[in-house]
C-alpha atoms as a PDB file:
ATOM      1  CA  UNK A   1      10.648  56.197  47.890  1.00  0.00           C
ATOM      2  CA  UNK A   2      10.908  59.400  49.846  1.00  0.00           C
ATOM      3  CA  UNK A   3      14.340  60.514  48.614  1.00  0.00           C
ATOM      4  CA  UNK A   4      13.822  62.563  45.414  1.00  0.00           C
ATOM      5  CA  UNK A   5      17.379  61.769  44.265  1.00  0.00           C
ATOM      6  CA  UNK A   6      16.564  58.054  44.072  1.00  0.00           C
ATOM      7  CA  UNK A   7      14.320  57.322  41.084  1.00  0.00           C
ATOM      8  CA  UNK A   8      12.816  53.960  40.204  1.00  0.00           C
ATOM      9  CA  UNK A   9      13.423  53.491  36.494  1.00  0.00           C
ATOM     10  CA  UNK A  10      10.222  51.427  36.188  1.00  0.00           C
ATOM     11  CA  UNK A  11       8.305  54.647  36.914  1.00  0.00           C
ATOM     12  CA  UNK A  12       9.828  56.345  33.848  1.00  0.00           C
ATOM     13  CA  UNK A  13       7.888  54.340  31.264  1.00  0.00           C
ATOM     14  CA  UNK A  14       5.688  56.016  28.689  1.00  0.00           C
ATOM     15  CA  UNK A  15       6.197  59.471  27.282  1.00  0.00           C
ATOM     16  CA  UNK A  16       6.622  61.220  30.621  1.00  0.00           C
ATOM     17  CA  UNK A  17       9.715  63.307  31.101  1.00  0.00           C
ATOM     18  CA  UNK A  18      10.990  63.925  34.587  1.00  0.00           C
ATOM     19  CA  UNK A  19      12.943  67.086  35.348  1.00  0.00           C
ATOM     20  CA  UNK A  20      15.387  67.341  38.227  1.00  0.00           C
ATOM     21  CA  UNK A  21      17.529  70.049  39.783  1.00  0.00           C
ATOM     22  CA  UNK A  22      20.003  68.746  42.333  1.00  0.00           C
ATOM     23  CA  UNK A  23      22.002  71.235  44.422  1.00  0.00           C
ATOM     24  CA  UNK A  24      23.469  69.529  47.525  1.00  0.00           C
ATOM     25  CA  UNK A  25      23.633  71.473  50.771  1.00  0.00           C
ATOM     26  CA  UNK A  26      26.868  72.455  52.535  1.00  0.00           C
ATOM     27  CA  UNK A  27      27.168  69.185  54.484  1.00  0.00           C
ATOM     28  CA  UNK A  28      26.668  67.053  51.361  1.00  0.00           C
ATOM     29  CA  UNK A  29      29.161  69.212  49.423  1.00  0.00           C
ATOM     30  CA  UNK A  30      31.733  68.817  52.219  1.00  0.00           C
ATOM     31  CA  UNK A  31      31.301  65.031  52.181  1.00  0.00           C
ATOM     32  CA  UNK A  32      31.599  64.938  48.374  1.00  0.00           C
ATOM     33  CA  UNK A  33      34.687  67.176  48.517  1.00  0.00           C
ATOM     34  CA  UNK A  34      36.297  64.779  50.980  1.00  0.00           C
ATOM     35  CA  UNK A  35      35.423  61.750  48.814  1.00  0.00           C
ATOM     36  CA  UNK A  36      36.986  63.406  45.743  1.00  0.00           C
ATOM     37  CA  UNK A  37      40.054  64.762  47.572  1.00  0.00           C
ATOM     38  CA  UNK A  38      39.084  68.406  47.047  1.00  0.00           C
ATOM     39  CA  UNK A  39      40.078  71.259  49.315  1.00  0.00           C
ATOM     40  CA  UNK A  40      36.589  72.739  48.912  1.00  0.00           C
ATOM     41  CA  UNK A  41      33.424  72.389  46.884  1.00  0.00           C
ATOM     42  CA  UNK A  42      31.809  75.818  47.033  1.00  0.00           C
ATOM     43  CA  UNK A  43      28.890  74.961  44.775  1.00  0.00           C
ATOM     44  CA  UNK A  44      27.635  72.093  42.646  1.00  0.00           C
ATOM     45  CA  UNK A  45      24.446  71.646  40.663  1.00  0.00           C
ATOM     46  CA  UNK A  46      23.141  68.964  38.331  1.00  0.00           C
ATOM     47  CA  UNK A  47      20.003  70.030  36.462  1.00  0.00           C
ATOM     48  CA  UNK A  48      18.308  68.244  33.611  1.00  0.00           C
ATOM     49  CA  UNK A  49      15.745  65.650  32.732  1.00  0.00           C
ATOM     50  CA  UNK A  50      15.153  61.961  32.372  1.00  0.00           C
ATOM     51  CA  UNK A  51      13.195  60.972  29.293  1.00  0.00           C
ATOM     52  CA  UNK A  52      12.017  57.686  27.863  1.00  0.00           C
ATOM     53  CA  UNK A  53      13.746  56.421  24.716  1.00  0.00           C
ATOM     54  CA  UNK A  54      11.891  53.776  22.750  1.00  0.00           C
ATOM     55  CA  UNK A  55       9.829  51.327  24.767  1.00  0.00           C
ATOM     56  CA  UNK A  56      12.173  50.623  27.661  1.00  0.00           C
ATOM     57  CA  UNK A  57      15.343  52.748  27.625  1.00  0.00           C
ATOM     58  CA  UNK A  58      15.882  56.009  29.503  1.00  0.00           C
ATOM     59  CA  UNK A  59      18.111  58.970  28.643  1.00  0.00           C
ATOM     60  CA  UNK A  60      19.544  61.457  31.116  1.00  0.00           C
ATOM     61  CA  UNK A  61      20.448  64.874  29.717  1.00  0.00           C
ATOM     62  CA  UNK A  62      21.760  67.387  32.221  1.00  0.00           C
ATOM     63  CA  UNK A  63      24.204  70.188  32.885  1.00  0.00           C
ATOM     64  CA  UNK A  64      26.779  70.003  35.685  1.00  0.00           C
ATOM     65  CA  UNK A  65      28.010  73.268  37.147  1.00  0.00           C
ATOM     66  CA  UNK A  66      30.460  73.450  40.014  1.00  0.00           C
ATOM     67  CA  UNK A  67      33.044  75.607  41.710  1.00  0.00           C
ATOM     68  CA  UNK A  68      35.732  73.536  43.384  1.00  0.00           C
ATOM     69  CA  UNK A  69      39.190  74.035  44.860  1.00  0.00           C
ATOM     70  CA  UNK A  70      41.904  71.423  44.286  1.00  0.00           C
ATOM     71  CA  UNK A  71      45.479  71.210  45.527  1.00  0.00           C
ATOM     72  CA  UNK A  72      48.202  72.024  42.989  1.00  0.00           C
ATOM     73  CA  UNK A  73      50.102  68.841  42.079  1.00  0.00           C
ATOM     74  CA  UNK A  74      53.416  70.712  42.390  1.00  0.00           C
ATOM     75  CA  UNK A  75      53.044  73.194  45.251  1.00  0.00           C
ATOM     76  CA  UNK A  76      49.853  72.006  47.009  1.00  0.00           C
ATOM     77  CA  UNK A  77      48.517  75.585  46.758  1.00  0.00           C
ATOM     78  CA  UNK A  78      44.759  75.931  46.255  1.00  0.00           C
ATOM     79  CA  UNK A  79      43.725  75.929  42.589  1.00  0.00           C
ATOM     80  CA  UNK A  80      40.160  76.980  41.787  1.00  0.00           C
ATOM     81  CA  UNK A  81      38.257  75.072  39.107  1.00  0.00           C
ATOM     82  CA  UNK A  82      35.019  76.123  37.452  1.00  0.00           C
ATOM     83  CA  UNK A  83      33.069  73.280  35.849  1.00  0.00           C
ATOM     84  CA  UNK A  84      30.247  73.727  33.328  1.00  0.00           C
ATOM     85  CA  UNK A  85      29.748  70.577  31.250  1.00  0.00           C
ATOM     86  CA  UNK A  86      26.913  68.578  29.731  1.00  0.00           C
ATOM     87  CA  UNK A  87      26.153  65.174  31.267  1.00  0.00           C
ATOM     88  CA  UNK A  88      24.565  62.488  29.109  1.00  0.00           C
ATOM     89  CA  UNK A  89      23.702  58.911  30.004  1.00  0.00           C
ATOM     90  CA  UNK A  90      21.654  56.368  28.070  1.00  0.00           C
ATOM     91  CA  UNK A  91      20.329  53.597  30.275  1.00  0.00           C
ATOM     92  CA  UNK A  92      19.617  50.441  28.259  1.00  0.00           C
ATOM     93  CA  UNK A  93      17.044  47.943  29.557  1.00  0.00           C
ATOM     94  CA  UNK A  94      18.269  44.950  27.514  1.00  0.00           C
ATOM     95  CA  UNK A  95      21.987  45.516  28.201  1.00  0.00           C
ATOM     96  CA  UNK A  96      24.283  42.619  27.343  1.00  0.00           C
ATOM     97  CA  UNK A  97      27.680  42.642  29.002  1.00  0.00           C
ATOM     98  CA  UNK A  98      30.487  42.240  26.412  1.00  0.00           C
ATOM     99  CA  UNK A  99      32.379  38.951  26.703  1.00  0.00           C
ATOM    100  CA  UNK A 100      35.865  37.838  25.726  1.00  0.00           C
ATOM    101  CA  UNK A 101      39.436  38.897  26.318  1.00  0.00           C
ATOM    102  CA  UNK A 102      39.428  41.598  23.669  1.00  0.00           C
ATOM    103  CA  UNK A 103      36.327  43.683  23.205  1.00  0.00           C
ATOM    104  CA  UNK A 104      35.766  46.643  20.951  1.00  0.00           C
ATOM    105  CA  UNK A 105      34.759  49.855  22.661  1.00  0.00           C
ATOM    106  CA  UNK A 106      31.377  51.127  21.487  1.00  0.00           C
ATOM    107  CA  UNK A 107      31.157  54.482  19.729  1.00  0.00           C
ATOM    108  CA  UNK A 108      28.520  55.637  22.224  1.00  0.00           C
ATOM    109  CA  UNK A 109      30.238  55.516  25.623  1.00  0.00           C
ATOM    110  CA  UNK A 110      27.219  57.023  27.369  1.00  0.00           C
ATOM    111  CA  UNK A 111      25.360  53.687  27.321  1.00  0.00           C
ATOM    112  CA  UNK A 112      24.989  51.869  30.630  1.00  0.00           C
ATOM    113  CA  UNK A 113      22.850  49.033  31.968  1.00  0.00           C
ATOM    114  CA  UNK A 114      19.488  50.169  33.309  1.00  0.00           C
ATOM    115  CA  UNK A 115      19.542  50.182  37.121  1.00  0.00           C
ATOM    116  CA  UNK A 116      16.413  49.404  39.123  1.00  0.00           C
ATOM    117  CA  UNK A 117      16.946  52.632  41.025  1.00  0.00           C
ATOM    118  CA  UNK A 118      18.779  55.585  39.525  1.00  0.00           C
ATOM    119  CA  UNK A 119      20.784  57.528  42.121  1.00  0.00           C
ATOM    120  CA  UNK A 120      21.155  61.136  40.933  1.00  0.00           C
ATOM    121  CA  UNK A 121      23.708  61.811  43.698  1.00  0.00           C
ATOM    122  CA  UNK A 122      25.913  59.055  42.258  1.00  0.00           C
ATOM    123  CA  UNK A 123      25.519  60.503  38.737  1.00  0.00           C
ATOM    124  CA  UNK A 124      26.501  63.935  40.060  1.00  0.00           C
ATOM    125  CA  UNK A 125      29.561  62.567  41.902  1.00  0.00           C
ATOM    126  CA  UNK A 126      30.744  60.535  38.900  1.00  0.00           C
ATOM    127  CA  UNK A 127      30.249  63.426  36.459  1.00  0.00           C
ATOM    128  CA  UNK A 128      32.107  65.816  38.762  1.00  0.00           C
ATOM    129  CA  UNK A 129      35.011  63.383  39.234  1.00  0.00           C
ATOM    130  CA  UNK A 130      35.319  63.016  35.456  1.00  0.00           C
ATOM    131  CA  UNK A 131      35.090  66.774  34.805  1.00  0.00           C
ATOM    132  CA  UNK A 132      37.695  67.939  37.342  1.00  0.00           C
ATOM    133  CA  UNK A 133      41.218  68.617  36.045  1.00  0.00           C
ATOM    134  CA  UNK A 134      43.427  65.538  36.549  1.00  0.00           C
ATOM    135  CA  UNK A 135      46.571  67.500  37.389  1.00  0.00           C
ATOM    136  CA  UNK A 136      45.660  70.985  38.643  1.00  0.00           C
ATOM    137  CA  UNK A 137      48.571  73.386  38.607  1.00  0.00           C
ATOM    138  CA  UNK A 138      48.829  76.801  40.269  1.00  0.00           C
ATOM    139  CA  UNK A 139      49.883  79.672  37.983  1.00  0.00           C
ATOM    140  CA  UNK A 140      53.670  79.715  37.654  1.00  0.00           C
ATOM    141  CA  UNK A 141      54.156  76.343  39.350  1.00  0.00           C
ATOM    142  CA  UNK A 142      56.878  74.325  37.664  1.00  0.00           C
ATOM    143  CA  UNK A 143      58.015  70.842  38.504  1.00  0.00           C
ATOM    144  CA  UNK A 144      61.732  71.507  38.108  1.00  0.00           C
ATOM    145  CA  UNK A 145      64.417  68.867  37.830  1.00  0.00           C
ATOM    146  CA  UNK A 146      65.373  66.499  40.641  1.00  0.00           C
ATOM    147  CA  UNK A 147      69.112  65.851  40.761  1.00  0.00           C
ATOM    148  CA  UNK A 148      70.529  63.008  42.850  1.00  0.00           C
ATOM    149  CA  UNK A 149      74.125  61.801  43.204  1.00  0.00           C
ATOM    150  CA  UNK A 150      76.421  60.350  45.809  1.00  0.00           C
ATOM    151  CA  UNK A 151      78.739  62.818  47.566  1.00  0.00           C
ATOM    152  CA  UNK A 152      81.674  63.756  45.320  1.00  0.00           C
ATOM    153  CA  UNK A 153      80.024  62.433  42.135  1.00  0.00           C
ATOM    154  CA  UNK A 154      78.882  64.744  39.330  1.00  0.00           C
ATOM    155  CA  UNK A 155      75.092  64.368  39.083  1.00  0.00           C
ATOM    156  CA  UNK A 156      73.692  63.164  35.793  1.00  0.00           C
ATOM    157  CA  UNK A 157      71.393  65.785  34.268  1.00  0.00           C
ATOM    158  CA  UNK A 158      68.913  65.637  31.394  1.00  0.00           C
ATOM    159  CA  UNK A 159      71.268  67.600  29.130  1.00  0.00           C
ATOM    160  CA  UNK A 160      73.967  64.930  29.479  1.00  0.00           C
ATOM    161  CA  UNK A 161      71.555  62.234  28.343  1.00  0.00           C
ATOM    162  CA  UNK A 162      70.992  63.848  24.953  1.00  0.00           C
ATOM    163  CA  UNK A 163      73.033  61.753  22.500  1.00  0.00           C
ATOM    164  CA  UNK A 164      74.344  64.583  20.331  1.00  0.00           C
ATOM    165  CA  UNK A 165      75.080  67.033  23.157  1.00  0.00           C
ATOM    166  CA  UNK A 166      78.479  65.412  23.764  1.00  0.00           C
ATOM    167  CA  UNK A 167      79.346  65.453  20.052  1.00  0.00           C
ATOM    168  CA  UNK A 168      78.533  69.145  19.791  1.00  0.00           C
ATOM    169  CA  UNK A 169      80.785  69.902  22.782  1.00  0.00           C
ATOM    170  CA  UNK A 170      83.613  67.792  21.302  1.00  0.00           C
ATOM    171  CA  UNK A 171      83.250  69.521  17.954  1.00  0.00           C
ATOM    172  CA  UNK A 172      83.496  72.886  19.714  1.00  0.00           C
ATOM    173  CA  UNK A 173      86.741  71.821  21.465  1.00  0.00           C
ATOM    174  CA  UNK A 174      88.296  70.616  18.197  1.00  0.00           C
ATOM    175  CA  UNK A 175      87.796  73.941  16.481  1.00  0.00           C
ATOM    176  CA  UNK A 176      84.405  72.929  15.163  1.00  0.00           C
ATOM    177  CA  UNK A 177      83.929  74.544  11.809  1.00  0.00           C
ATOM    178  CA  UNK A 178      81.445  73.097   9.408  1.00  0.00           C
ATOM    179  CA  UNK A 179      82.971  70.211   7.469  1.00  0.00           C
ATOM    180  CA  UNK A 180      82.023  70.079   3.807  1.00  0.00           C
END
């Protein structure tokens, strides 16, 4: 294989570790930003190593660093995000897919079936997607309250839905002292 980001897992046998340092160029970052719905991806880097575990498994230990810009979920203003997280995967050669309607989640959620070819670009994209804030919000951005009503009708607000709010108002109208 000529692409250094595609690694045949069969070549990782033995005690050989394989280091990698992946920093996509501007065109690849722009394509990844579009795929992830980002406004910009100024930098991204996945650096680490692949190492054999036991006779046939492989572990990936890396660090993901990125500077991205997302749209605020309220105002759509640009919101910068700085990512610096560890990335760990454990590729298992004798993986058995869980069966049944109800399965218990394993304690180690980094375990995955061993692929024939490990795509470091796919690992980078997945790790970045998982590390980005789900709901980026610009400083001071607030969602506010949407109020809808037909013309001439008093809109129903959150305060009116509180069950004891009406009782407190009634008590105030009746001369509401504390009853003992």
